[in-house]
C-alpha atoms as a PDB file:
ATOM      1  CA  MET A   1       5.006   3.012 -22.939  1.00  0.00           C
ATOM      2  CA  MET A   2       2.965   2.526 -26.092  1.00  0.00           C
ATOM      3  CA  LYS A   3       4.702   3.715 -29.183  1.00  0.00           C
ATOM      4  CA  GLN A   4       3.112   6.567 -31.074  1.00  0.00           C
ATOM      5  CA  TRP A   5       2.391   5.801 -34.716  1.00  0.00           C
ATOM      6  CA  ARG A   6       1.687   8.007 -37.638  1.00  0.00           C
ATOM      7  CA  ARG A   7      -0.156   7.050 -40.815  1.00  0.00           C
ATOM      8  CA  VAL A   8       1.771   6.993 -44.068  1.00  0.00           C
ATOM      9  CA  SER A   9      -0.391   7.527 -47.179  1.00  0.00           C
ATOM     10  CA  ALA A  10       0.629   5.108 -49.883  1.00  0.00           C
ATOM     11  CA  LEU A  11      -0.671   3.072 -52.740  1.00  0.00           C
ATOM     12  CA  VAL A  12       1.795   0.389 -53.493  1.00  0.00           C
ATOM     13  CA  THR A  13       1.225  -2.718 -55.586  1.00  0.00           C
ATOM     14  CA  VAL A  14       2.268  -5.769 -53.647  1.00  0.00           C
ATOM     15  CA  VAL A  15       1.319  -9.328 -53.071  1.00  0.00           C
ATOM     16  CA  PHE A  16       1.848  -9.347 -49.318  1.00  0.00           C
ATOM     17  CA  ALA A  17      -0.095  -9.072 -46.073  1.00  0.00           C
ATOM     18  CA  CYS A  18       1.085  -8.748 -42.448  1.00  0.00           C
ATOM     19  CA  ALA A  19       0.169  -7.228 -39.137  1.00  0.00           C
ATOM     20  CA  GLY A  20      -0.516  -3.477 -39.340  1.00  0.00           C
ATOM     21  CA  PHE A  21      -1.987  -3.318 -42.842  1.00  0.00           C
ATOM     22  CA  LEU A  22      -4.547  -5.071 -44.958  1.00  0.00           C
ATOM     23  CA  ALA A  23      -4.235  -6.853 -48.277  1.00  0.00           C
ATOM     24  CA  VAL A  24      -7.365  -6.322 -50.370  1.00  0.00           C
ATOM     25  CA  PRO A  25      -8.172  -7.098 -53.946  1.00  0.00           C
ATOM     26  CA  SER A  26      -7.212  -4.565 -56.587  1.00  0.00           C
ATOM     27  CA  ALA A  27      -9.777  -2.423 -58.233  1.00  0.00           C
ATOM     28  CA  HIS A  28     -10.425  -4.814 -61.142  1.00  0.00           C
ATOM     29  CA  ALA A  29     -11.246  -7.665 -58.832  1.00  0.00           C
ATOM     30  CA  GLN A  30     -14.797  -7.663 -57.469  1.00  0.00           C
ATOM     31  CA  ASN A  31     -15.327  -8.004 -53.702  1.00  0.00           C
ATOM     32  CA  LEU A  32     -18.538  -9.915 -53.326  1.00  0.00           C
ATOM     33  CA  VAL A  33     -19.058  -9.365 -49.636  1.00  0.00           C
ATOM     34  CA  PRO A  34     -21.946  -6.945 -48.866  1.00  0.00           C
ATOM     35  CA  ASN A  35     -21.119  -4.229 -46.377  1.00  0.00           C
ATOM     36  CA  PRO A  36     -17.530  -5.424 -45.888  1.00  0.00           C
ATOM     37  CA  ASN A  37     -16.371  -2.220 -44.135  1.00  0.00           C
ATOM     38  CA  PHE A  38     -19.195  -1.595 -41.733  1.00  0.00           C
ATOM     39  CA  ASP A  39     -19.539   2.042 -42.909  1.00  0.00           C
ATOM     40  CA  THR A  40     -22.750   2.793 -40.972  1.00  0.00           C
ATOM     41  CA  VAL A  41     -24.501  -0.359 -39.858  1.00  0.00           C
ATOM     42  CA  LEU A  42     -23.875  -4.029 -38.912  1.00  0.00           C
ATOM     43  CA  ALA A  43     -26.598  -5.435 -41.242  1.00  0.00           C
ATOM     44  CA  PRO A  44     -26.685  -7.747 -43.161  1.00  0.00           C
ATOM     45  CA  TRP A  45     -24.201  -9.267 -40.782  1.00  0.00           C
ATOM     46  CA  ALA A  46     -25.718 -11.192 -37.864  1.00  0.00           C
ATOM     47  CA  GLN A  47     -24.571 -13.044 -34.811  1.00  0.00           C
ATOM     48  CA  PHE A  48     -22.785 -16.309 -35.319  1.00  0.00           C
ATOM     49  CA  LEU A  49     -22.584 -18.910 -32.541  1.00  0.00           C
ATOM     50  CA  SER A  50     -21.121 -22.353 -33.131  1.00  0.00           C
ATOM     51  CA  SER A  51     -23.632 -25.105 -32.322  1.00  0.00           C
ATOM     52  CA  ALA A  52     -23.914 -28.873 -32.130  1.00  0.00           C
ATOM     53  CA  PRO A  53     -22.377 -31.119 -33.306  1.00  0.00           C
ATOM     54  CA  ASP A  54     -19.573 -28.529 -32.793  1.00  0.00           C
ATOM     55  CA  PRO A  55     -18.970 -27.110 -29.354  1.00  0.00           C
ATOM     56  CA  VAL A  56     -21.610 -24.555 -28.447  1.00  0.00           C
ATOM     57  CA  GLY A  57     -20.409 -20.990 -28.461  1.00  0.00           C
ATOM     58  CA  VAL A  58     -21.693 -18.282 -26.155  1.00  0.00           C
ATOM     59  CA  GLY A  59     -21.312 -14.546 -26.356  1.00  0.00           C
ATOM     60  CA  ALA A  60     -23.051 -11.131 -26.377  1.00  0.00           C
ATOM     61  CA  ALA A  61     -24.658 -10.090 -29.606  1.00  0.00           C
ATOM     62  CA  PRO A  62     -22.307  -8.185 -31.946  1.00  0.00           C
ATOM     63  CA  VAL A  63     -22.845  -4.463 -32.361  1.00  0.00           C
ATOM     64  CA  TRP A  64     -21.770  -1.816 -34.920  1.00  0.00           C
ATOM     65  CA  VAL A  65     -19.412   0.792 -33.456  1.00  0.00           C
ATOM     66  CA  ALA A  66     -18.258   4.062 -35.044  1.00  0.00           C
ATOM     67  CA  ALA A  67     -14.768   3.616 -33.736  1.00  0.00           C
ATOM     68  CA  PRO A  68     -12.298   2.056 -34.164  1.00  0.00           C
ATOM     69  CA  ASP A  69     -12.249   1.820 -37.991  1.00  0.00           C
ATOM     70  CA  PHE A  70      -9.483   0.148 -39.962  1.00  0.00           C
ATOM     71  CA  ASN A  71      -8.719   3.346 -41.884  1.00  0.00           C
ATOM     72  CA  SER A  72      -9.618   5.609 -38.906  1.00  0.00           C
ATOM     73  CA  SER A  73     -12.332   7.061 -41.062  1.00  0.00           C
ATOM     74  CA  PRO A  74     -14.907   9.236 -39.180  1.00  0.00           C
ATOM     75  CA  GLY A  75     -17.506   7.978 -41.759  1.00  0.00           C
ATOM     76  CA  SER A  76     -17.041   4.273 -41.114  1.00  0.00           C
ATOM     77  CA  GLY A  77     -16.834   1.873 -38.256  1.00  0.00           C
ATOM     78  CA  SER A  78     -16.420  -1.808 -37.391  1.00  0.00           C
ATOM     79  CA  ALA A  79     -18.190  -4.819 -35.765  1.00  0.00           C
ATOM     80  CA  LEU A  80     -17.475  -5.431 -32.040  1.00  0.00           C
ATOM     81  CA  VAL A  81     -17.857  -9.106 -31.208  1.00  0.00           C
ATOM     82  CA  ASP A  82     -17.727 -10.905 -27.876  1.00  0.00           C
ATOM     83  CA  ILE A  83     -17.116 -14.437 -26.545  1.00  0.00           C
ATOM     84  CA  ASN A  84     -18.043 -15.686 -23.112  1.00  0.00           C
ATOM     85  CA  THR A  85     -15.662 -18.296 -21.675  1.00  0.00           C
ATOM     86  CA  THR A  86     -17.369 -18.915 -18.402  1.00  0.00           C
ATOM     87  CA  THR A  87     -17.982 -22.461 -19.547  1.00  0.00           C
ATOM     88  CA  PRO A  88     -14.867 -23.913 -21.296  1.00  0.00           C
ATOM     89  CA  ALA A  89     -15.698 -25.131 -24.751  1.00  0.00           C
ATOM     90  CA  ILE A  90     -12.676 -25.964 -26.947  1.00  0.00           C
ATOM     91  CA  ASN A  91     -13.426 -24.621 -30.451  1.00  0.00           C
ATOM     92  CA  GLY A  92     -16.631 -22.937 -29.198  1.00  0.00           C
ATOM     93  CA  ALA A  93     -16.998 -19.767 -31.317  1.00  0.00           C
ATOM     94  CA  SER A  94     -18.879 -16.433 -31.196  1.00  0.00           C
ATOM     95  CA  GLY A  95     -18.884 -13.618 -33.761  1.00  0.00           C
ATOM     96  CA  ILE A  96     -20.602 -12.450 -36.954  1.00  0.00           C
ATOM     97  CA  SER A  97     -21.592 -14.008 -40.222  1.00  0.00           C
ATOM     98  CA  GLN A  98     -23.644 -13.463 -43.364  1.00  0.00           C
ATOM     99  CA  CYS A  99     -24.852 -15.505 -46.304  1.00  0.00           C
ATOM    100  CA  PHE A 100     -25.113 -13.954 -49.754  1.00  0.00           C
ATOM    101  CA  ASN A 101     -25.989 -15.074 -53.232  1.00  0.00           C
ATOM    102  CA  PHE A 102     -23.765 -14.611 -56.290  1.00  0.00           C
ATOM    103  CA  PRO A 103     -25.231 -12.783 -59.289  1.00  0.00           C
ATOM    104  CA  ALA A 104     -25.275 -16.181 -61.030  1.00  0.00           C
ATOM    105  CA  ALA A 105     -23.982 -19.728 -60.381  1.00  0.00           C
ATOM    106  CA  THR A 106     -20.252 -19.476 -60.978  1.00  0.00           C
ATOM    107  CA  PRO A 107     -17.600 -22.121 -61.708  1.00  0.00           C
ATOM    108  CA  VAL A 108     -15.041 -21.697 -58.944  1.00  0.00           C
ATOM    109  CA  ASN A 109     -11.461 -22.938 -58.950  1.00  0.00           C
ATOM    110  CA  PHE A 110     -10.011 -20.889 -56.182  1.00  0.00           C
ATOM    111  CA  VAL A 111     -10.987 -18.115 -53.715  1.00  0.00           C
ATOM    112  CA  ASN A 112      -9.143 -15.028 -52.464  1.00  0.00           C
ATOM    113  CA  TYR A 113     -10.599 -13.987 -49.057  1.00  0.00           C
ATOM    114  CA  GLY A 114      -9.670 -12.329 -45.801  1.00  0.00           C
ATOM    115  CA  GLY A 115     -10.450  -9.745 -43.114  1.00  0.00           C
ATOM    116  CA  SER A 116      -8.930  -7.794 -40.244  1.00  0.00           C
ATOM    117  CA  PHE A 117      -9.374  -7.531 -36.512  1.00  0.00           C
ATOM    118  CA  LEU A 118      -8.192  -5.287 -33.680  1.00  0.00           C
ATOM    119  CA  VAL A 119      -7.431  -6.567 -30.219  1.00  0.00           C
ATOM    120  CA  PRO A 120      -8.384  -4.425 -27.207  1.00  0.00           C
ATOM    121  CA  ALA A 121      -5.809  -4.142 -24.474  1.00  0.00           C
ATOM    122  CA  THR A 122      -7.971  -5.997 -21.923  1.00  0.00           C
ATOM    123  CA  THR A 123      -8.067  -9.084 -24.297  1.00  0.00           C
ATOM    124  CA  ILE A 124      -4.279  -9.753 -24.084  1.00  0.00           C
ATOM    125  CA  ARG A 125      -3.997 -12.115 -21.124  1.00  0.00           C
ATOM    126  CA  ASP A 126      -3.359 -15.607 -22.420  1.00  0.00           C
ATOM    127  CA  SER A 127      -3.288 -17.857 -25.508  1.00  0.00           C
ATOM    128  CA  SER A 128      -6.811 -19.269 -25.076  1.00  0.00           C
ATOM    129  CA  ILE A 129      -8.509 -17.155 -27.748  1.00  0.00           C
ATOM    130  CA  ASN A 130      -8.135 -17.104 -31.531  1.00  0.00           C
ATOM    131  CA  ALA A 131      -9.619 -14.639 -34.092  1.00  0.00           C
ATOM    132  CA  THR A 132     -10.700 -16.380 -37.321  1.00  0.00           C
ATOM    133  CA  VAL A 133     -12.075 -15.400 -40.686  1.00  0.00           C
ATOM    134  CA  GLU A 134     -13.882 -18.265 -42.541  1.00  0.00           C
ATOM    135  CA  VAL A 135     -15.441 -18.634 -45.930  1.00  0.00           C
ATOM    136  CA  ARG A 136     -17.909 -21.390 -46.984  1.00  0.00           C
ATOM    137  CA  LEU A 137     -19.131 -22.084 -50.543  1.00  0.00           C
ATOM    138  CA  TYR A 138     -22.545 -23.559 -51.430  1.00  0.00           C
ATOM    139  CA  ALA A 139     -23.921 -25.062 -54.596  1.00  0.00           C
ATOM    140  CA  GLY A 140     -27.456 -23.641 -53.940  1.00  0.00           C
ATOM    141  CA  ALA A 141     -28.779 -20.172 -53.316  1.00  0.00           C
ATOM    142  CA  ASN A 142     -29.168 -18.963 -49.711  1.00  0.00           C
ATOM    143  CA  CYS A 143     -26.300 -21.155 -48.497  1.00  0.00           C
ATOM    144  CA  THR A 144     -27.752 -24.568 -49.216  1.00  0.00           C
ATOM    145  CA  THR A 145     -25.775 -27.692 -50.281  1.00  0.00           C
ATOM    146  CA  PHE A 146     -22.356 -27.097 -48.699  1.00  0.00           C
ATOM    147  CA  ILE A 147     -19.378 -27.563 -51.054  1.00  0.00           C
ATOM    148  CA  SER A 148     -16.202 -26.601 -49.194  1.00  0.00           C
ATOM    149  CA  GLY A 149     -14.639 -23.894 -47.050  1.00  0.00           C
ATOM    150  CA  GLY A 150     -11.456 -22.535 -45.535  1.00  0.00           C
ATOM    151  CA  ASN A 151     -10.369 -20.346 -42.660  1.00  0.00           C
ATOM    152  CA  GLN A 152      -7.443 -18.262 -41.434  1.00  0.00           C
ATOM    153  CA  GLY A 153      -6.832 -17.203 -37.867  1.00  0.00           C
ATOM    154  CA  ARG A 154      -4.476 -15.827 -35.269  1.00  0.00           C
ATOM    155  CA  THR A 155      -4.115 -16.680 -31.589  1.00  0.00           C
ATOM    156  CA  PHE A 156      -4.054 -13.819 -28.989  1.00  0.00           C
ATOM    157  CA  LEU A 157      -0.635 -14.570 -27.443  1.00  0.00           C
ATOM    158  CA  PRO A 158       0.552 -12.564 -24.407  1.00  0.00           C
ATOM    159  CA  GLY A 159       2.520  -9.569 -25.754  1.00  0.00           C
ATOM    160  CA  LEU A 160       0.560  -9.307 -28.954  1.00  0.00           C
ATOM    161  CA  ALA A 161       0.531  -5.585 -29.917  1.00  0.00           C
ATOM    162  CA  ILE A 162      -2.656  -3.816 -28.919  1.00  0.00           C
ATOM    163  CA  ALA A 163      -4.613  -1.110 -30.702  1.00  0.00           C
ATOM    164  CA  THR A 164      -3.179  -2.592 -33.939  1.00  0.00           C
ATOM    165  CA  TRP A 165      -5.164  -4.010 -36.861  1.00  0.00           C
ATOM    166  CA  PHE A 166      -4.095  -7.551 -37.900  1.00  0.00           C
ATOM    167  CA  SER A 167      -5.008  -9.071 -41.204  1.00  0.00           C
ATOM    168  CA  VAL A 168      -5.609 -12.687 -41.960  1.00  0.00           C
ATOM    169  CA  THR A 169      -5.863 -13.731 -45.649  1.00  0.00           C
ATOM    170  CA  ASP A 170      -5.796 -16.602 -48.064  1.00  0.00           C
ATOM    171  CA  ASN A 171      -4.899 -15.331 -51.558  1.00  0.00           C
ATOM    172  CA  SER A 172      -5.308 -18.749 -53.108  1.00  0.00           C
ATOM    173  CA  PHE A 173      -7.691 -21.117 -51.394  1.00  0.00           C
ATOM    174  CA  ASN A 174      -7.931 -23.953 -53.893  1.00  0.00           C
ATOM    175  CA  VAL A 175     -11.415 -25.535 -53.825  1.00  0.00           C
ATOM    176  CA  PRO A 176     -11.287 -29.382 -53.672  1.00  0.00           C
ATOM    177  CA  GLY A 177     -12.747 -30.938 -56.835  1.00  0.00           C
ATOM    178  CA  ALA A 178     -12.475 -27.664 -58.763  1.00  0.00           C
ATOM    179  CA  PRO A 179     -14.035 -26.392 -60.807  1.00  0.00           C
ATOM    180  CA  VAL A 180     -17.217 -26.461 -58.735  1.00  0.00           C
ATOM    181  CA  SER A 181     -20.444 -24.537 -59.399  1.00  0.00           C
ATOM    182  CA  ALA A 182     -21.150 -22.179 -56.520  1.00  0.00           C
ATOM    183  CA  ALA A 183     -24.276 -20.009 -56.120  1.00  0.00           C
ATOM    184  CA  SER A 184     -23.739 -18.516 -52.670  1.00  0.00           C
ATOM    185  CA  ALA A 185     -21.256 -18.125 -49.876  1.00  0.00           C
ATOM    186  CA  GLU A 186     -21.137 -17.571 -46.144  1.00  0.00           C
ATOM    187  CA  VAL A 187     -18.409 -15.394 -44.524  1.00  0.00           C
ATOM    188  CA  ARG A 188     -17.757 -15.480 -40.831  1.00  0.00           C
ATOM    189  CA  GLY A 189     -15.546 -13.527 -38.414  1.00  0.00           C
ATOM    190  CA  TYR A 190     -15.381 -14.919 -34.889  1.00  0.00           C
ATOM    191  CA  LEU A 191     -13.497 -15.454 -31.661  1.00  0.00           C
ATOM    192  CA  ARG A 192     -12.772 -19.077 -30.766  1.00  0.00           C
ATOM    193  CA  GLN A 193     -11.699 -20.833 -27.618  1.00  0.00           C
ATOM    194  CA  THR A 194      -8.553 -22.756 -28.521  1.00  0.00           C
ATOM    195  CA  GLY A 195      -8.001 -24.863 -25.426  1.00  0.00           C
ATOM    196  CA  ASP A 196      -4.249 -24.204 -25.540  1.00  0.00           C
ATOM    197  CA  ALA A 197      -4.401 -22.482 -22.197  1.00  0.00           C
ATOM    198  CA  ALA A 198      -6.835 -21.892 -19.408  1.00  0.00           C
ATOM    199  CA  SER A 199      -8.792 -18.658 -19.904  1.00  0.00           C
ATOM    200  CA  THR A 200      -7.935 -15.992 -17.308  1.00  0.00           C
ATOM    201  CA  GLN A 201     -11.037 -13.906 -18.276  1.00  0.00           C
ATOM    202  CA  THR A 202     -14.704 -14.817 -18.688  1.00  0.00           C
ATOM    203  CA  ASP A 203     -15.220 -12.357 -21.502  1.00  0.00           C
ATOM    204  CA  TYR A 204     -13.187 -11.393 -24.560  1.00  0.00           C
ATOM    205  CA  LYS A 205     -13.778  -8.803 -27.271  1.00  0.00           C
ATOM    206  CA  ALA A 206     -12.361  -7.799 -30.609  1.00  0.00           C
ATOM    207  CA  ASN A 207     -13.311  -5.528 -33.601  1.00  0.00           C
ATOM    208  CA  PHE A 208     -13.662  -6.983 -37.071  1.00  0.00           C
ATOM    209  CA  ASP A 209     -13.396  -4.901 -40.346  1.00  0.00           C
ATOM    210  CA  LYS A 210     -12.386  -4.985 -44.062  1.00  0.00           C
ATOM    211  CA  PHE A 211     -13.734  -8.377 -45.230  1.00  0.00           C
ATOM    212  CA  PHE A 212     -13.302  -9.503 -48.806  1.00  0.00           C
ATOM    213  CA  LEU A 213     -14.064 -12.455 -51.034  1.00  0.00           C
ATOM    214  CA  VAL A 214     -13.016 -12.668 -54.622  1.00  0.00           C
ATOM    215  CA  LEU A 215     -13.625 -15.681 -56.965  1.00  0.00           C
ATOM    216  CA  ASN A 216     -10.996 -17.048 -59.390  1.00  0.00           C
ATOM    217  CA  SER A 217      -8.622 -14.130 -59.007  1.00  0.00           C
ATOM    218  CA  ILE A 218      -5.074 -14.104 -57.608  1.00  0.00           C
ATOM    219  CA  THR A 219      -4.413 -10.454 -58.250  1.00  0.00           C
ATOM    220  CA  PRO A 220      -1.929  -7.905 -57.004  1.00  0.00           C
ATOM    221  CA  VAL A 221      -3.228  -6.085 -53.970  1.00  0.00           C
ATOM    222  CA  ARG A 222      -2.953  -2.511 -52.796  1.00  0.00           C
ATOM    223  CA  LEU A 223      -1.243  -1.471 -49.567  1.00  0.00           C
ATOM    224  CA  LEU A 224      -3.890   0.808 -48.044  1.00  0.00           C
ATOM    225  CA  ASN A 225      -2.063   2.044 -44.983  1.00  0.00           C
ATOM    226  CA  PHE A 226       0.537   1.185 -42.441  1.00  0.00           C
ATOM    227  CA  GLY A 227       2.112   2.607 -39.413  1.00  0.00           C
ATOM    228  CA  VAL A 228       5.777   3.640 -38.954  1.00  0.00           C
ATOM    229  CA  GLU A 229       7.546   5.146 -36.033  1.00  0.00           C
END
């Protein structure tokens, strides 16, 4: 039987992130991601499908949904993404992405980024799917002239808790060759075929929410919420 959880309201300064709560930048650190919380719409996020020379990803178009929301807020929602695994494609990916320009070209030494995802019960079948958050930096505006990027992910292993938000973060992604001058970034959240096991389903879904990207700041983070028995 699924455990019943209650929300505990807390604001605690920590430098820690794990399943069940989200590490986000503190108030004095600027989150550069537009519409990171999917309050009312999906835009400016759009569908992301991996393409050649990478394995080609296939999946239904992402949609905005009013629920679930990371904070269970009636005034906000999340992005529902889908990946089709009818044709096996190791590292094929399907999800959401957006490119955005910085207010000005910025010298970047390191990046603090992350996001959260929720796994529907029907998705927990095998270890063939991974949820990933990725960031890519560019020297030019509108995501031109790629510099470097990083990603964090988690594989959907059998027994992974359902109806629970999981967070993936990198609080100190050191950019190779830093400092580098960056004018824009692309943030992605997607499902990826891992190839670790044969898929037992032809269709997998997950919700993404609470993205953040902060430049040159390893700051304390706030514990927004967590569940206890």
